[in-house]
N, C-alpha and C. Protein backbone atom coordinates (compact mmCIF):
# COMPACT_ATOMS: atom_id res chain seq x y z
N MET A 1 79.03 116.31 -6.69
CA MET A 1 79.85 115.87 -5.49
C MET A 1 79.21 116.73 -4.63
N SER A 2 79.00 115.90 -2.75
CA SER A 2 78.46 116.38 -2.13
C SER A 2 78.64 116.59 -0.97
N ASN A 3 77.97 117.37 -0.09
CA ASN A 3 78.80 118.21 1.45
C ASN A 3 77.79 116.81 2.19
N VAL A 4 79.84 116.58 2.84
CA VAL A 4 79.19 115.89 4.15
C VAL A 4 79.18 116.17 5.00
N SER A 5 78.45 116.18 6.26
CA SER A 5 78.87 117.45 7.15
C SER A 5 79.22 116.43 8.44
N VAL A 6 79.73 116.47 9.62
CA VAL A 6 79.85 115.58 10.40
C VAL A 6 79.81 117.35 11.63
N SER A 7 78.52 116.40 12.65
CA SER A 7 78.40 116.75 13.90
C SER A 7 78.92 116.27 15.37
N SER A 8 80.11 115.61 15.48
CA SER A 8 80.72 115.24 16.42
C SER A 8 81.15 116.36 16.46
N GLY A 9 81.70 118.15 16.15
CA GLY A 9 82.06 119.05 17.22
C GLY A 9 81.41 119.39 18.04
N SER A 10 80.82 119.22 17.30
CA SER A 10 79.28 120.18 18.05
C SER A 10 77.77 119.74 19.29
N THR A 11 78.68 118.03 19.35
CA THR A 11 78.24 117.15 19.61
C THR A 11 79.24 117.38 21.32
N LEU A 12 80.40 117.41 20.62
CA LEU A 12 81.55 117.43 22.08
C LEU A 12 81.60 118.92 22.97
N SER A 13 80.93 119.69 22.36
CA SER A 13 81.46 121.19 22.71
C SER A 13 79.81 120.87 23.36
N SER A 14 78.89 120.55 23.36
CA SER A 14 77.58 120.16 24.14
C SER A 14 78.20 119.88 25.06
N LEU A 15 78.64 119.01 25.33
CA LEU A 15 79.18 118.26 26.04
C LEU A 15 80.42 118.33 26.86
N ALA A 16 80.68 119.98 26.42
CA ALA A 16 81.83 120.57 27.28
C ALA A 16 81.40 121.00 28.40
N LYS A 17 80.03 121.32 27.84
CA LYS A 17 79.44 122.41 28.36
C LYS A 17 78.77 122.03 29.62
N TRP A 18 78.31 120.55 29.68
CA TRP A 18 77.66 119.87 30.84
C TRP A 18 79.02 120.70 32.45
N PRO A 19 77.71 120.66 32.85
CA PRO A 19 79.02 120.88 34.78
C PRO A 19 78.49 118.72 35.20
N TRP A 20 79.25 118.17 35.17
CA TRP A 20 79.53 116.37 34.97
C TRP A 20 79.62 116.46 36.66
N MET A 21 80.43 117.48 37.21
CA MET A 21 80.50 116.89 39.03
C MET A 21 78.59 117.18 39.46
N LEU A 22 78.03 117.95 38.78
CA LEU A 22 76.86 117.97 39.36
C LEU A 22 76.32 116.79 39.41
N VAL A 23 76.49 115.58 38.60
CA VAL A 23 75.54 114.61 38.26
C VAL A 23 76.00 114.09 39.29
N ILE A 24 77.27 113.34 39.75
CA ILE A 24 77.82 112.97 40.80
C ILE A 24 76.73 113.54 42.03
N VAL A 25 77.27 114.70 42.71
CA VAL A 25 76.69 115.26 43.70
C VAL A 25 74.40 114.79 44.09
N LEU A 26 73.90 114.83 42.46
CA LEU A 26 72.91 115.34 42.33
C LEU A 26 72.12 113.07 42.45
N PHE A 27 74.24 113.03 42.08
CA PHE A 27 72.97 110.95 42.99
C PHE A 27 73.01 110.61 43.59
N LEU A 28 73.92 111.46 44.71
CA LEU A 28 74.27 111.66 45.73
C LEU A 28 73.47 111.55 46.44
N ILE A 29 72.86 113.00 46.03
CA ILE A 29 71.56 113.30 46.88
C ILE A 29 70.30 112.43 46.63
N ALA A 30 70.50 112.30 45.25
CA ALA A 30 68.83 111.02 44.75
C ALA A 30 69.07 110.09 45.59
N THR A 31 69.95 109.49 45.82
CA THR A 31 70.22 108.11 46.45
C THR A 31 69.67 108.28 47.73
N GLU A 32 70.09 109.14 48.23
CA GLU A 32 70.05 109.53 50.43
C GLU A 32 68.88 110.12 50.17
N TYR A 33 67.49 110.77 49.17
CA TYR A 33 66.05 110.71 48.78
C TYR A 33 65.69 109.75 48.69
N LEU A 34 65.71 108.26 47.81
CA LEU A 34 65.09 107.27 47.57
C LEU A 34 65.02 106.15 49.01
N GLN A 35 66.33 106.03 48.94
CA GLN A 35 66.92 105.79 50.39
C GLN A 35 67.24 104.28 49.75
N ILE A 36 69.35 105.00 48.79
CA ILE A 36 69.06 102.88 48.05
C ILE A 36 70.57 103.07 47.96
N SER A 37 70.90 102.46 49.10
CA SER A 37 72.24 102.06 49.51
C SER A 37 73.02 102.17 48.58
N LEU A 38 74.55 101.91 48.26
CA LEU A 38 75.68 102.73 47.96
C LEU A 38 76.48 101.15 47.97
N GLN A 39 75.98 99.89 48.32
CA GLN A 39 76.65 99.23 49.71
C GLN A 39 76.66 98.21 48.20
N GLY A 40 77.53 97.52 47.40
CA GLY A 40 77.40 96.37 46.37
C GLY A 40 78.14 96.94 44.66
N THR A 41 77.59 96.87 44.22
CA THR A 41 77.34 96.82 42.45
C THR A 41 77.34 98.08 42.53
N LEU A 42 76.59 99.11 43.20
CA LEU A 42 76.20 100.27 43.06
C LEU A 42 76.92 100.93 42.94
N GLY A 43 77.58 100.37 44.11
CA GLY A 43 78.54 101.78 44.47
C GLY A 43 80.17 101.75 43.62
N TYR A 44 80.44 100.82 43.33
CA TYR A 44 81.52 100.62 42.78
C TYR A 44 80.85 100.96 41.32
N VAL A 45 80.25 101.17 40.84
CA VAL A 45 79.47 101.50 39.77
C VAL A 45 79.74 103.14 39.74
N PHE A 46 79.44 103.73 41.04
CA PHE A 46 79.11 105.08 41.46
C PHE A 46 80.39 105.57 41.36
N ILE A 47 81.23 105.09 41.67
CA ILE A 47 83.08 105.25 42.49
C ILE A 47 83.66 105.17 41.35
N SER A 48 83.18 103.99 40.01
CA SER A 48 83.74 104.26 38.53
C SER A 48 83.65 105.10 37.58
N VAL A 49 82.18 105.50 37.93
CA VAL A 49 81.91 106.73 36.96
C VAL A 49 81.49 108.24 37.35
N ALA A 50 81.99 108.32 38.39
CA ALA A 50 83.33 109.20 39.16
C ALA A 50 83.95 110.08 38.53
N VAL A 51 85.17 108.72 39.24
CA VAL A 51 86.55 109.29 38.23
C VAL A 51 86.20 109.37 36.95
N ILE A 52 85.58 109.19 35.78
CA ILE A 52 85.90 108.91 34.33
C ILE A 52 85.18 110.17 34.44
N VAL A 53 84.09 111.39 35.34
CA VAL A 53 83.82 112.41 35.77
C VAL A 53 84.74 113.56 35.74
N LEU A 54 85.63 113.24 36.42
CA LEU A 54 86.99 113.57 37.00
C LEU A 54 88.43 114.09 35.78
N PHE A 55 87.71 112.95 34.90
CA PHE A 55 88.78 113.28 33.80
C PHE A 55 88.18 113.64 32.79
N ILE A 56 86.73 113.47 32.49
CA ILE A 56 86.18 115.04 32.08
C ILE A 56 86.02 116.25 32.16
N GLU A 57 86.72 116.58 33.10
CA GLU A 57 85.85 117.77 33.99
C GLU A 57 87.32 118.03 33.58
N MET A 58 88.57 116.97 33.67
CA MET A 58 90.04 117.71 33.89
C MET A 58 90.53 118.28 32.29
N PHE A 59 89.78 116.88 31.05
CA PHE A 59 89.88 117.05 30.22
C PHE A 59 89.94 118.78 29.27
N LYS A 60 88.23 119.02 30.56
CA LYS A 60 87.23 120.45 30.39
C LYS A 60 87.63 121.56 30.10
N SER A 61 88.72 121.19 31.80
CA SER A 61 89.15 121.90 32.01
C SER A 61 90.27 123.18 30.82
N GLY A 62 91.07 122.38 30.58
CA GLY A 62 91.68 122.52 29.42
C GLY A 62 91.51 123.65 28.09
N ASP A 63 92.22 124.87 27.90
CA ASP A 63 91.93 125.50 27.15
C ASP A 63 89.93 126.14 27.10
N VAL A 64 90.68 126.69 27.78
CA VAL A 64 88.80 127.48 28.53
C VAL A 64 88.91 128.64 28.28
N SER A 65 87.69 129.38 27.74
CA SER A 65 88.24 130.85 27.86
C SER A 65 88.23 131.78 29.08
N ALA A 66 87.58 132.80 29.09
CA ALA A 66 88.30 133.64 30.41
C ALA A 66 86.93 133.23 31.25
N VAL A 67 85.50 133.14 30.42
CA VAL A 67 84.09 132.74 30.82
C VAL A 67 84.31 131.68 30.95
N ALA A 68 84.03 130.61 30.43
CA ALA A 68 84.34 128.86 30.80
C ALA A 68 84.48 129.05 32.01
N PHE A 69 86.08 129.69 31.48
CA PHE A 69 86.36 129.16 33.09
C PHE A 69 85.36 129.44 34.12
N PHE A 70 85.51 131.30 34.21
CA PHE A 70 85.00 131.52 35.48
C PHE A 70 83.29 130.50 35.13
N VAL A 71 82.63 129.94 33.94
CA VAL A 71 81.11 129.55 34.95
C VAL A 71 81.72 127.80 35.26
N ASP A 72 83.01 127.71 34.54
CA ASP A 72 83.20 126.06 35.38
C ASP A 72 83.30 126.01 36.17
N GLN A 73 84.58 126.91 37.72
CA GLN A 73 84.33 127.57 38.91
C GLN A 73 83.24 127.60 39.77
N PHE A 74 82.41 128.53 39.06
CA PHE A 74 80.58 128.36 40.05
C PHE A 74 80.27 127.60 40.01
N TRP A 75 80.14 126.10 38.80
CA TRP A 75 79.87 124.94 38.98
C TRP A 75 80.90 124.13 39.96
N ALA A 76 81.95 124.29 40.33
CA ALA A 76 82.96 124.02 41.08
C ALA A 76 82.66 123.52 42.42
N VAL A 77 82.46 125.02 42.66
CA VAL A 77 82.05 125.58 44.55
C VAL A 77 80.77 125.67 44.61
N LEU A 78 79.97 125.51 43.88
CA LEU A 78 78.53 124.86 43.69
C LEU A 78 78.27 123.18 43.80
N THR A 79 79.00 122.48 43.73
CA THR A 79 79.59 121.08 43.64
C THR A 79 79.86 121.01 44.86
N VAL A 80 80.95 121.59 45.34
CA VAL A 80 81.34 121.35 46.72
C VAL A 80 80.61 122.02 47.68
N VAL A 81 80.28 123.08 47.49
CA VAL A 81 78.59 123.42 48.64
C VAL A 81 77.33 122.12 48.69
N LEU A 82 76.71 121.73 48.07
CA LEU A 82 75.88 120.67 47.87
C LEU A 82 76.46 119.94 48.87
N ALA A 83 77.37 118.88 48.37
CA ALA A 83 78.19 117.93 49.21
C ALA A 83 78.39 118.00 49.87
N THR A 84 78.88 119.10 50.28
CA THR A 84 79.71 119.66 52.06
C THR A 84 77.69 119.64 52.53
N GLY A 85 76.86 120.29 52.31
CA GLY A 85 75.04 120.04 52.99
C GLY A 85 74.75 118.85 52.68
N LEU A 86 75.34 117.95 51.88
CA LEU A 86 74.60 116.74 52.32
C LEU A 86 75.24 115.90 53.69
N LEU A 87 77.08 116.22 53.08
CA LEU A 87 77.31 115.31 53.84
C LEU A 87 77.24 116.03 55.90
N SER A 88 77.10 117.14 55.63
CA SER A 88 76.67 118.00 56.98
C SER A 88 75.17 117.19 57.74
N TYR A 89 74.19 117.33 56.32
CA TYR A 89 72.92 116.57 56.62
C TYR A 89 72.38 115.48 57.42
N LEU A 90 73.70 114.35 56.22
CA LEU A 90 73.83 113.24 56.86
C LEU A 90 74.24 112.85 58.17
N TRP A 91 75.19 113.59 58.32
CA TRP A 91 76.30 113.46 59.78
C TRP A 91 75.35 114.28 60.87
N TRP A 92 74.75 115.39 60.94
CA TRP A 92 74.56 116.05 61.61
C TRP A 92 72.35 116.11 62.39
N VAL A 93 71.38 115.79 60.54
CA VAL A 93 70.52 115.55 60.55
C VAL A 93 69.99 114.53 60.93
N GLU A 94 70.96 114.12 60.28
CA GLU A 94 70.27 111.86 59.81
C GLU A 94 70.85 111.41 60.84
N GLY A 95 71.75 111.60 61.32
CA GLY A 95 72.83 111.23 62.68
C GLY A 95 73.32 110.07 62.01
N LYS A 96 73.64 109.04 60.46
CA LYS A 96 74.22 108.70 60.17
C LYS A 96 75.50 108.54 59.31
N GLU A 97 76.32 108.29 59.59
CA GLU A 97 77.43 108.02 59.45
C GLU A 97 77.69 108.20 57.51
N PRO A 98 78.43 109.01 57.02
CA PRO A 98 78.67 108.93 55.58
C PRO A 98 79.17 107.76 55.33
N THR A 99 78.83 106.78 54.53
CA THR A 99 79.28 105.84 53.85
C THR A 99 81.11 106.33 52.94
N PHE A 100 81.59 104.86 52.93
CA PHE A 100 82.43 104.38 52.18
C PHE A 100 82.36 106.18 50.68
N PHE A 101 81.12 105.89 50.12
CA PHE A 101 80.92 106.05 48.57
C PHE A 101 80.99 107.51 48.57
N HIS A 102 80.09 107.83 50.07
CA HIS A 102 80.09 109.33 50.01
C HIS A 102 81.74 109.95 49.81
N TRP A 103 82.16 109.27 51.52
CA TRP A 103 83.73 110.12 51.08
C TRP A 103 84.48 109.88 49.98
N ILE A 104 84.53 108.92 49.04
CA ILE A 104 84.80 109.02 47.81
C ILE A 104 84.82 110.16 46.71
N GLY A 105 82.88 110.04 47.03
CA GLY A 105 82.61 111.26 45.94
C GLY A 105 83.07 112.35 46.59
N TYR A 106 83.12 112.67 47.59
CA TYR A 106 82.91 114.00 47.85
C TYR A 106 84.99 114.41 48.11
N ALA A 107 85.54 113.45 47.91
CA ALA A 107 87.21 113.12 47.64
C ALA A 107 87.19 113.99 46.68
N ILE A 108 86.49 112.85 45.16
CA ILE A 108 86.61 113.55 44.41
C ILE A 108 85.73 114.72 43.31
N ILE A 109 84.89 115.10 44.38
CA ILE A 109 84.29 116.41 43.99
C ILE A 109 85.33 117.83 44.03
N LEU A 110 86.38 117.30 45.46
CA LEU A 110 87.15 118.02 45.95
C LEU A 110 88.38 119.05 45.18
N ALA A 111 88.55 117.16 44.72
CA ALA A 111 89.26 117.83 43.42
C ALA A 111 89.37 117.86 42.56
N ASP A 112 88.30 117.88 41.36
CA ASP A 112 87.17 118.39 40.43
C ASP A 112 87.47 120.08 41.25
N ALA A 113 87.60 120.93 42.27
CA ALA A 113 87.68 122.01 42.56
C ALA A 113 88.53 123.17 42.67
N LEU A 114 89.64 121.63 43.27
CA LEU A 114 91.18 121.78 43.75
C LEU A 114 91.77 122.03 41.97
N LEU A 115 91.82 120.91 41.41
CA LEU A 115 92.65 120.68 40.67
C LEU A 115 92.78 121.55 39.29
N ASN A 116 91.43 121.56 39.06
CA ASN A 116 90.21 121.95 37.29
C ASN A 116 91.23 124.12 37.69
N PRO A 117 91.53 124.19 38.85
CA PRO A 117 91.95 125.97 38.29
C PRO A 117 93.25 125.45 37.89
N PHE A 118 93.59 124.99 38.81
CA PHE A 118 95.49 124.66 38.37
C PHE A 118 95.69 124.10 37.36
N ASN A 119 95.18 123.21 36.26
CA ASN A 119 95.23 122.58 34.78
C ASN A 119 94.95 123.84 33.99
N ALA A 120 94.25 124.47 34.37
CA ALA A 120 93.69 125.55 32.88
C ALA A 120 94.43 126.89 33.30
N PHE A 121 95.22 127.14 34.95
CA PHE A 121 95.52 128.18 34.26
C PHE A 121 97.26 127.59 33.95
N ARG A 122 97.69 125.79 33.92
CA ARG A 122 98.47 126.07 33.71
C ARG A 122 99.20 126.31 31.71
N THR A 123 97.60 125.94 31.80
CA THR A 123 97.13 125.60 29.90
C THR A 123 97.32 127.22 29.46
N ALA A 124 96.76 127.88 29.93
CA ALA A 124 96.93 129.50 30.18
C ALA A 124 98.53 129.65 29.56
N LEU A 125 99.28 129.19 30.69
CA LEU A 125 100.70 129.80 30.83
C LEU A 125 100.81 129.91 29.27
N ARG A 126 101.38 127.94 29.69
CA ARG A 126 101.31 127.16 28.01
C ARG A 126 101.33 127.98 26.51
N ASN A 127 99.21 128.17 26.47
CA ASN A 127 99.26 129.32 25.53
C ASN A 127 100.10 130.86 25.46
N PHE A 128 100.25 131.19 25.98
CA PHE A 128 100.91 132.43 26.69
C PHE A 128 102.01 132.49 26.26
N ASP A 129 103.14 130.79 25.70
CA ASP A 129 104.35 130.83 26.35
C ASP A 129 104.51 131.51 26.59
N VAL A 130 104.20 131.39 28.36
CA VAL A 130 105.11 132.01 29.51
C VAL A 130 105.58 131.00 29.83
N ALA A 131 107.29 130.63 30.38
CA ALA A 131 107.82 129.80 30.89
C ALA A 131 107.50 129.87 32.78
N GLY A 132 106.90 128.22 32.65
CA GLY A 132 106.70 127.81 34.05
C GLY A 132 108.03 127.79 34.65
């Protein structure tokens, strides 16, 4: 009888450690730096990926340790700061109005930063069997 090992647990564990919202911000920064327009198909693909990333981040925020919670909060704050910097740069330095896709991306980043702590707190209450 041979032992069969499945490494999907380690793959999921490594995927859960990655700050996925940072990818969204870096994509927005890269499109601005490379002068790529988000109009059309690319913009709609961006919105779809951003919504998927929001759901991934929501699943990540449940059942986390204290250290993972604080690391997740660090990345959430960093992404909000970067996104705010990008929007400020577009508005005041470049003199351009951010597009619909920039605003949707920023809303998803803010939703991540605001909803995930509540989800982690709710999960912690459930784990400690505290009546809410």
